[in-house]
N, C-alpha and C. Protein backbone atom coordinates (compact mmCIF):
# COMPACT_ATOMS: atom_id res chain seq x y z
N PRO A 1 35.45 40.68 -32.33
CA PRO A 1 35.13 42.05 -31.94
C PRO A 1 34.49 42.82 -33.11
N THR A 2 33.68 43.79 -32.78
CA THR A 2 33.06 44.62 -33.80
C THR A 2 34.05 45.67 -34.29
N ALA A 3 33.71 46.34 -35.39
CA ALA A 3 34.57 47.42 -35.91
C ALA A 3 34.69 48.52 -34.86
N MET A 4 33.60 48.80 -34.14
CA MET A 4 33.64 49.84 -33.11
C MET A 4 34.57 49.44 -31.97
N ASP A 5 34.55 48.16 -31.58
CA ASP A 5 35.48 47.68 -30.55
C ASP A 5 36.93 47.87 -31.00
N SER A 6 37.20 47.54 -32.25
CA SER A 6 38.55 47.69 -32.80
C SER A 6 38.96 49.16 -32.85
N PHE A 7 38.03 50.03 -33.21
CA PHE A 7 38.28 51.48 -33.25
C PHE A 7 38.63 51.99 -31.85
N GLU A 8 37.83 51.64 -30.87
CA GLU A 8 38.07 52.09 -29.49
C GLU A 8 39.40 51.56 -28.96
N ALA A 9 39.76 50.33 -29.33
CA ALA A 9 41.00 49.73 -28.86
C ALA A 9 42.23 50.50 -29.36
N LEU A 10 42.12 51.17 -30.50
CA LEU A 10 43.24 51.95 -31.04
C LEU A 10 43.65 53.07 -30.08
N PHE A 11 42.70 53.55 -29.29
CA PHE A 11 42.96 54.69 -28.40
C PHE A 11 43.29 54.28 -26.96
N ALA A 12 43.22 52.98 -26.67
CA ALA A 12 43.36 52.49 -25.30
C ALA A 12 44.69 52.87 -24.65
N SER A 13 45.77 52.83 -25.39
CA SER A 13 47.09 53.10 -24.79
C SER A 13 47.64 54.47 -25.19
N THR A 14 46.76 55.34 -25.65
CA THR A 14 47.19 56.66 -26.10
C THR A 14 46.81 57.72 -25.08
N GLU A 15 47.76 58.56 -24.71
CA GLU A 15 47.49 59.66 -23.80
C GLU A 15 47.25 60.92 -24.63
N PHE A 16 46.12 61.53 -24.43
CA PHE A 16 45.77 62.73 -25.18
C PHE A 16 45.96 63.97 -24.31
N ARG A 17 46.52 64.97 -24.93
CA ARG A 17 46.65 66.28 -24.29
C ARG A 17 45.90 67.29 -25.14
N LYS A 18 45.51 68.38 -24.54
CA LYS A 18 44.83 69.43 -25.28
C LYS A 18 45.70 69.83 -26.47
N GLY A 19 45.07 69.89 -27.64
CA GLY A 19 45.78 70.28 -28.85
C GLY A 19 46.32 69.11 -29.66
N THR A 20 46.13 67.87 -29.18
CA THR A 20 46.60 66.71 -29.94
C THR A 20 45.80 66.60 -31.23
N ASP A 21 46.50 66.55 -32.35
CA ASP A 21 45.84 66.39 -33.65
C ASP A 21 45.47 64.94 -33.86
N LEU A 22 44.24 64.74 -34.35
CA LEU A 22 43.79 63.41 -34.74
C LEU A 22 43.59 63.42 -36.24
N ALA A 23 43.98 62.34 -36.89
CA ALA A 23 43.81 62.23 -38.34
C ALA A 23 43.21 60.87 -38.67
N PHE A 24 42.21 60.90 -39.53
CA PHE A 24 41.52 59.70 -39.98
C PHE A 24 41.56 59.70 -41.49
N SER A 25 42.01 58.61 -42.09
CA SER A 25 42.10 58.59 -43.55
C SER A 25 41.65 57.24 -44.10
N ASN A 26 41.06 57.32 -45.29
CA ASN A 26 40.67 56.10 -45.99
C ASN A 26 41.91 55.34 -46.42
N VAL A 27 41.81 54.04 -46.38
CA VAL A 27 42.88 53.16 -46.84
C VAL A 27 42.44 52.60 -48.20
N PRO A 28 43.31 52.65 -49.20
CA PRO A 28 42.94 52.09 -50.50
C PRO A 28 42.42 50.65 -50.37
N GLY A 29 41.31 50.39 -51.02
CA GLY A 29 40.70 49.07 -50.94
C GLY A 29 39.72 48.92 -49.80
N GLY A 30 39.59 49.94 -48.97
CA GLY A 30 38.65 49.91 -47.85
C GLY A 30 39.38 49.92 -46.53
N GLY A 31 38.75 50.47 -45.53
CA GLY A 31 39.35 50.56 -44.21
C GLY A 31 39.73 51.99 -43.87
N MET A 32 40.31 52.17 -42.68
CA MET A 32 40.64 53.51 -42.21
C MET A 32 41.90 53.45 -41.36
N ALA A 33 42.80 54.41 -41.57
CA ALA A 33 43.99 54.57 -40.75
C ALA A 33 43.72 55.68 -39.74
N VAL A 34 44.24 55.51 -38.52
CA VAL A 34 44.01 56.47 -37.45
C VAL A 34 45.37 56.93 -36.91
N GLN A 35 45.52 58.25 -36.80
CA GLN A 35 46.76 58.83 -36.26
C GLN A 35 46.42 59.79 -35.12
N ALA A 36 47.33 59.88 -34.16
CA ALA A 36 47.22 60.86 -33.07
C ALA A 36 48.60 61.47 -32.87
N GLY A 37 48.66 62.79 -32.92
CA GLY A 37 49.94 63.46 -32.73
C GLY A 37 50.98 63.07 -33.75
N GLY A 38 50.55 62.73 -34.97
CA GLY A 38 51.48 62.37 -36.03
C GLY A 38 51.94 60.91 -35.99
N ARG A 39 51.46 60.14 -35.04
CA ARG A 39 51.85 58.73 -34.90
C ARG A 39 50.66 57.85 -35.28
N GLU A 40 50.89 56.89 -36.16
CA GLU A 40 49.79 56.00 -36.54
C GLU A 40 49.47 55.07 -35.38
N LEU A 41 48.19 55.06 -35.01
CA LEU A 41 47.73 54.18 -33.94
C LEU A 41 47.34 52.81 -34.47
N GLY A 42 46.93 52.77 -35.73
CA GLY A 42 46.54 51.51 -36.33
C GLY A 42 45.58 51.71 -37.47
N ARG A 43 45.09 50.58 -37.97
CA ARG A 43 44.17 50.60 -39.11
C ARG A 43 43.01 49.67 -38.84
N LEU A 44 41.87 50.05 -39.37
CA LEU A 44 40.68 49.21 -39.31
C LEU A 44 40.46 48.61 -40.68
N ALA A 45 40.19 47.33 -40.72
CA ALA A 45 39.99 46.65 -42.00
C ALA A 45 38.56 46.77 -42.52
N SER A 46 37.63 47.17 -41.68
CA SER A 46 36.22 47.23 -42.07
C SER A 46 36.01 48.21 -43.22
N LYS A 47 35.43 47.72 -44.31
CA LYS A 47 35.16 48.59 -45.46
C LYS A 47 33.99 49.52 -45.20
N ALA A 48 33.11 49.17 -44.27
CA ALA A 48 31.93 49.99 -43.99
C ALA A 48 32.18 51.06 -42.93
N PHE A 49 33.21 50.88 -42.09
CA PHE A 49 33.40 51.79 -40.97
C PHE A 49 33.77 53.20 -41.42
N ALA A 50 34.76 53.35 -42.29
CA ALA A 50 35.23 54.68 -42.70
C ALA A 50 34.12 55.51 -43.33
N PRO A 51 33.36 54.99 -44.30
CA PRO A 51 32.30 55.82 -44.87
C PRO A 51 31.27 56.25 -43.82
N ALA A 52 30.93 55.34 -42.89
CA ALA A 52 29.97 55.69 -41.84
C ALA A 52 30.55 56.74 -40.91
N PHE A 53 31.82 56.59 -40.54
CA PHE A 53 32.49 57.53 -39.66
C PHE A 53 32.54 58.93 -40.29
N PHE A 54 32.99 59.00 -41.54
CA PHE A 54 33.09 60.29 -42.20
C PHE A 54 31.73 60.93 -42.42
N ASP A 55 30.71 60.13 -42.66
CA ASP A 55 29.36 60.66 -42.82
C ASP A 55 28.86 61.30 -41.54
N LEU A 56 29.25 60.76 -40.38
CA LEU A 56 28.86 61.35 -39.10
C LEU A 56 29.33 62.79 -38.97
N TYR A 57 30.51 63.06 -39.49
CA TYR A 57 31.10 64.39 -39.32
C TYR A 57 30.99 65.27 -40.55
N LEU A 58 30.94 64.68 -41.73
CA LEU A 58 30.96 65.46 -42.95
C LEU A 58 29.72 65.28 -43.81
N GLY A 59 28.79 64.46 -43.37
CA GLY A 59 27.57 64.19 -44.14
C GLY A 59 26.57 65.34 -44.09
N LYS A 60 25.40 65.08 -44.63
CA LYS A 60 24.35 66.11 -44.70
C LYS A 60 23.85 66.55 -43.33
N GLU A 61 23.89 65.64 -42.36
CA GLU A 61 23.44 65.95 -41.00
C GLU A 61 24.55 65.60 -40.01
N PRO A 62 25.61 66.40 -39.97
CA PRO A 62 26.75 66.08 -39.10
C PRO A 62 26.38 66.18 -37.62
N VAL A 63 27.10 65.42 -36.78
CA VAL A 63 26.85 65.49 -35.34
C VAL A 63 27.23 66.85 -34.79
N SER A 64 28.12 67.56 -35.46
CA SER A 64 28.51 68.91 -35.06
C SER A 64 28.64 69.78 -36.31
N VAL A 65 27.72 70.70 -36.47
CA VAL A 65 27.78 71.61 -37.62
C VAL A 65 29.05 72.45 -37.56
N GLU A 66 29.40 72.93 -36.37
CA GLU A 66 30.61 73.74 -36.22
C GLU A 66 31.87 72.90 -36.50
N GLY A 67 31.84 71.65 -36.07
CA GLY A 67 32.96 70.75 -36.34
C GLY A 67 33.15 70.54 -37.83
N LYS A 68 32.04 70.37 -38.54
CA LYS A 68 32.12 70.20 -39.99
C LYS A 68 32.68 71.45 -40.65
N LYS A 69 32.22 72.61 -40.22
CA LYS A 69 32.73 73.86 -40.78
C LYS A 69 34.23 73.99 -40.54
N SER A 70 34.69 73.59 -39.36
CA SER A 70 36.10 73.67 -39.02
C SER A 70 36.93 72.72 -39.90
N MET A 71 36.42 71.51 -40.11
CA MET A 71 37.13 70.55 -40.96
C MET A 71 37.20 71.02 -42.40
N VAL A 72 36.10 71.56 -42.90
CA VAL A 72 36.07 72.05 -44.27
C VAL A 72 37.02 73.21 -44.44
N ALA A 73 37.05 74.12 -43.45
CA ALA A 73 37.97 75.26 -43.50
C ALA A 73 39.42 74.79 -43.46
N GLY A 74 39.71 73.80 -42.63
CA GLY A 74 41.06 73.26 -42.56
C GLY A 74 41.49 72.61 -43.85
N LEU A 75 40.58 71.88 -44.47
CA LEU A 75 40.87 71.24 -45.76
C LEU A 75 41.11 72.29 -46.83
N ALA A 76 40.26 73.33 -46.82
CA ALA A 76 40.43 74.40 -47.81
C ALA A 76 41.80 75.06 -47.64
N GLY A 77 42.25 75.23 -46.40
CA GLY A 77 43.56 75.81 -46.15
C GLY A 77 44.69 74.93 -46.66
N LEU A 78 44.54 73.62 -46.54
CA LEU A 78 45.56 72.70 -47.03
C LEU A 78 45.64 72.71 -48.56
N VAL A 79 44.48 72.78 -49.20
CA VAL A 79 44.42 72.76 -50.64
C VAL A 79 45.00 74.06 -51.22
N ALA A 80 44.80 75.16 -50.51
CA ALA A 80 45.26 76.46 -50.99
C ALA A 80 46.78 76.61 -50.90
N GLU A 81 47.42 75.79 -50.08
CA GLU A 81 48.88 75.93 -49.90
C GLU A 81 49.65 75.47 -51.10
């Protein structure tokens, strides 16, 4: 399976409700951990997937400018605490 197939499979048995928090984090040595509602769904071993994923949302040309602003504001709030 491709990294994208593995990523999609992490969500297959998860029920999402409005307001469910999703968290994506780099794993030391490469890869990405995925959480939904505070529960870890799994990890991807692909070293290339996480940088590409984060670039989509936080790079110079994000898929959602408003989404990027929201993530940056949320991060700034966490750092300020």
